[in-house]
Amino acid sequence: MKLSAALLTGAMLLSACTLEMKPMNLDLTDFGARYAAAWSSRNPAQLASFYAEDGSLIVNGGAPSIGRAAIAATAQSFMSSFPDMVVKLERLDQHGDHPVFRWIWTGTNTGPGGTGKFVRITGYEEWTIDANGLIAKSDGHYDEAEYQRQLKVGAPPQE
């Protein structure tokens, strides 16, 4: 009987350890909406809090921003260039085991050295979510040529 109790206890401990290693059940739509709001908040630390301590943010295949301080600095550069920036969740998709956050980003480039032009870009981030429900890696993409064009002439009229 003592052996059975020990085996049962061991099995329960093993089960508990296994559960901790699995990513937590996360409402991705809610997470995506809060993440978009954090981008729009003009608070780079709030945005960085969605990332794991050693998480990374990659924009259009560039050098990764690794760690919350670097992610906050990247966010700050966008927030400074576009003080009225708004990011809206368009939808969340699943690509294999990675959630894909699709967004619409708008703002007027009135920050330091800005062009004064209104920009409207769509893009997406493919996320790797860690066991704590935070972003371990975000691989973001948008049309850089269209972004540069809009910085010069502004966004096309909304249909």
Protein backbone atom coordinates (compact mmCIF):
# COMPACT_ATOMS: atom_id res chain seq x y z
CA MET A 1 0.00 0.00 0.00
CA LYS A 2 2.84 2.41 0.80
CA LEU A 3 4.36 1.73 -2.63
CA SER A 4 1.05 2.51 -4.37
CA ALA A 5 0.73 5.79 -2.46
CA ALA A 6 4.31 6.68 -3.38
CA LEU A 7 3.69 5.87 -7.04
CA LEU A 8 0.47 7.89 -7.02
CA THR A 9 2.25 10.85 -5.41
CA GLY A 10 5.08 10.57 -7.92
CA ALA A 11 2.63 10.41 -10.82
CA MET A 12 0.81 13.50 -9.51
CA LEU A 13 4.09 15.41 -9.20
CA LEU A 14 5.15 14.36 -12.69
CA SER A 15 1.76 15.41 -14.01
CA ALA A 16 2.07 18.80 -12.29
CA CYS A 17 5.52 19.33 -13.81
CA THR A 18 4.24 18.42 -17.25
CA LEU A 19 1.36 20.89 -16.94
CA GLU A 20 3.73 23.71 -16.02
CA MET A 21 5.78 23.11 -19.17
CA LYS A 22 2.80 23.41 -21.55
CA PRO A 23 1.84 26.89 -22.76
CA MET A 24 -0.99 28.22 -20.70
CA ASN A 25 -4.45 28.29 -22.21
CA LEU A 26 -4.63 31.86 -23.50
CA ASP A 27 -7.56 33.76 -25.00
CA LEU A 28 -5.61 35.01 -27.99
CA THR A 29 -8.28 37.41 -29.21
CA ASP A 30 -8.32 39.17 -25.85
CA PHE A 31 -4.50 39.08 -25.72
CA GLY A 32 -4.31 40.56 -29.24
CA ALA A 33 -6.79 43.34 -28.43
CA ARG A 34 -4.86 44.26 -25.28
CA TYR A 35 -1.56 44.11 -27.21
CA ALA A 36 -2.94 46.48 -29.87
CA ALA A 37 -4.13 48.83 -27.11
CA ALA A 38 -0.64 48.74 -25.59
CA TRP A 39 0.90 49.80 -28.92
CA SER A 40 -1.64 52.66 -29.03
CA SER A 41 -1.01 53.66 -25.39
CA ARG A 42 2.18 55.65 -26.02
CA ASN A 43 3.64 53.69 -23.11
CA PRO A 44 6.52 51.52 -24.40
CA ALA A 45 6.94 49.70 -21.07
CA GLN A 46 3.30 48.62 -21.23
CA LEU A 47 3.89 47.17 -24.69
CA ALA A 48 7.10 45.43 -23.57
CA SER A 49 5.22 43.77 -20.70
CA PHE A 50 3.53 41.49 -23.24
CA TYR A 51 6.93 39.93 -23.94
CA ALA A 52 8.94 37.40 -21.98
CA GLU A 53 11.94 38.92 -20.16
CA ASP A 54 14.22 37.63 -22.96
CA GLY A 55 11.60 37.91 -25.70
CA SER A 56 12.39 39.32 -29.12
CA LEU A 57 10.71 41.60 -31.63
CA ILE A 58 11.81 41.52 -35.26
CA VAL A 59 10.49 44.11 -37.73
CA ASN A 60 10.69 43.27 -41.45
CA GLY A 61 13.63 40.90 -41.05
CA GLY A 62 15.78 43.51 -39.32
CA ALA A 63 17.97 43.06 -36.27
CA PRO A 64 15.94 41.67 -33.37
CA SER A 65 15.18 43.76 -30.31
CA ILE A 66 15.92 41.28 -27.52
CA GLY A 67 14.65 41.79 -23.99
CA ARG A 68 12.00 44.12 -22.66
CA ALA A 69 14.25 47.21 -22.57
CA ALA A 70 15.18 46.82 -26.25
CA ILE A 71 11.56 46.10 -27.21
CA ALA A 72 10.44 49.21 -25.30
CA ALA A 73 13.09 51.26 -27.15
CA THR A 74 11.82 50.01 -30.52
CA ALA A 75 8.23 50.78 -29.53
CA GLN A 76 9.31 54.23 -28.30
CA SER A 77 10.83 55.05 -31.70
CA PHE A 78 7.47 54.40 -33.42
CA MET A 79 5.53 56.17 -30.65
CA SER A 80 7.78 59.25 -30.88
CA SER A 81 7.58 59.43 -34.68
CA PHE A 82 3.80 58.99 -34.65
CA PRO A 83 2.42 60.56 -31.44
CA ASP A 84 -1.18 59.80 -32.51
CA MET A 85 -0.40 56.21 -33.52
CA VAL A 86 -3.25 53.69 -33.26
CA VAL A 87 -2.89 49.95 -33.76
CA LYS A 88 -6.07 47.95 -34.24
CA LEU A 89 -6.44 44.20 -34.17
CA GLU A 90 -7.74 43.19 -37.58
CA ARG A 91 -7.87 39.46 -36.78
CA LEU A 92 -5.93 36.59 -35.28
CA ASP A 93 -5.10 33.54 -37.37
CA GLN A 94 -3.23 30.36 -36.63
CA HIS A 95 -0.22 29.37 -38.77
CA GLY A 96 0.79 25.91 -37.60
CA ASP A 97 1.37 26.30 -33.88
CA HIS A 98 1.99 30.07 -34.14
CA PRO A 99 -0.70 32.70 -33.67
CA VAL A 100 -0.62 35.43 -36.32
CA PHE A 101 -1.66 38.90 -35.13
CA ARG A 102 -2.94 40.91 -38.13
CA TRP A 103 -3.13 44.64 -37.55
CA ILE A 104 -4.03 48.00 -39.06
CA TRP A 105 -1.68 50.80 -38.03
CA THR A 106 -2.44 54.50 -38.47
CA GLY A 107 -0.72 57.68 -37.41
CA THR A 108 0.59 61.05 -38.47
CA ASN A 109 4.36 61.42 -38.74
CA THR A 110 4.59 64.59 -36.61
CA GLY A 111 7.42 63.50 -34.33
CA PRO A 112 10.96 64.93 -34.55
CA GLY A 113 11.94 65.33 -38.22
CA GLY A 114 8.50 64.09 -39.30
CA THR A 115 6.92 64.65 -42.68
CA GLY A 116 3.49 65.54 -41.29
CA LYS A 117 1.93 62.85 -43.47
CA PHE A 118 -0.80 60.47 -42.34
CA VAL A 119 0.12 56.79 -42.75
CA ARG A 120 -2.18 53.73 -42.85
CA ILE A 121 -0.42 50.36 -43.07
CA THR A 122 -1.54 46.79 -42.59
CA GLY A 123 0.78 44.05 -41.42
CA TYR A 124 1.14 41.05 -39.20
CA GLU A 125 3.25 39.52 -36.47
CA GLU A 126 3.82 35.79 -36.18
CA TRP A 127 4.14 35.00 -32.49
CA THR A 128 5.78 32.30 -30.47
CA ILE A 129 4.04 32.21 -27.09
CA ASP A 130 5.94 30.87 -24.06
CA ALA A 131 4.64 28.70 -21.21
CA ASN A 132 3.70 31.83 -19.23
CA GLY A 133 1.45 33.17 -21.99
CA LEU A 134 3.91 35.90 -23.05
CA ILE A 135 5.45 36.57 -26.44
CA ALA A 136 8.80 34.81 -26.71
CA LYS A 137 9.27 35.96 -30.30
CA SER A 138 7.38 38.28 -32.61
CA ASP A 139 8.33 38.28 -36.27
CA GLY A 140 6.59 41.35 -37.73
CA HIS A 141 6.03 42.31 -41.35
CA TYR A 142 4.57 45.20 -43.31
CA ASP A 143 5.12 46.63 -46.81
CA GLU A 144 8.18 48.85 -46.30
CA ALA A 145 7.98 50.40 -49.79
CA GLU A 146 4.35 51.43 -49.22
CA TYR A 147 5.24 52.80 -45.79
CA GLN A 148 8.04 54.93 -47.31
CA ARG A 149 5.72 56.11 -50.09
CA GLN A 150 3.08 57.17 -47.55
CA LEU A 151 5.67 59.05 -45.49
CA LYS A 152 6.22 61.23 -48.60
CA VAL A 153 2.68 61.61 -49.96
CA GLY A 154 0.33 60.32 -47.25
CA ALA A 155 -2.08 57.42 -47.15
CA PRO A 156 -4.52 56.91 -50.00
CA PRO A 157 -8.12 57.97 -49.25
CA GLN A 158 -10.14 55.45 -47.25
CA GLU A 159 -12.75 53.73 -49.41
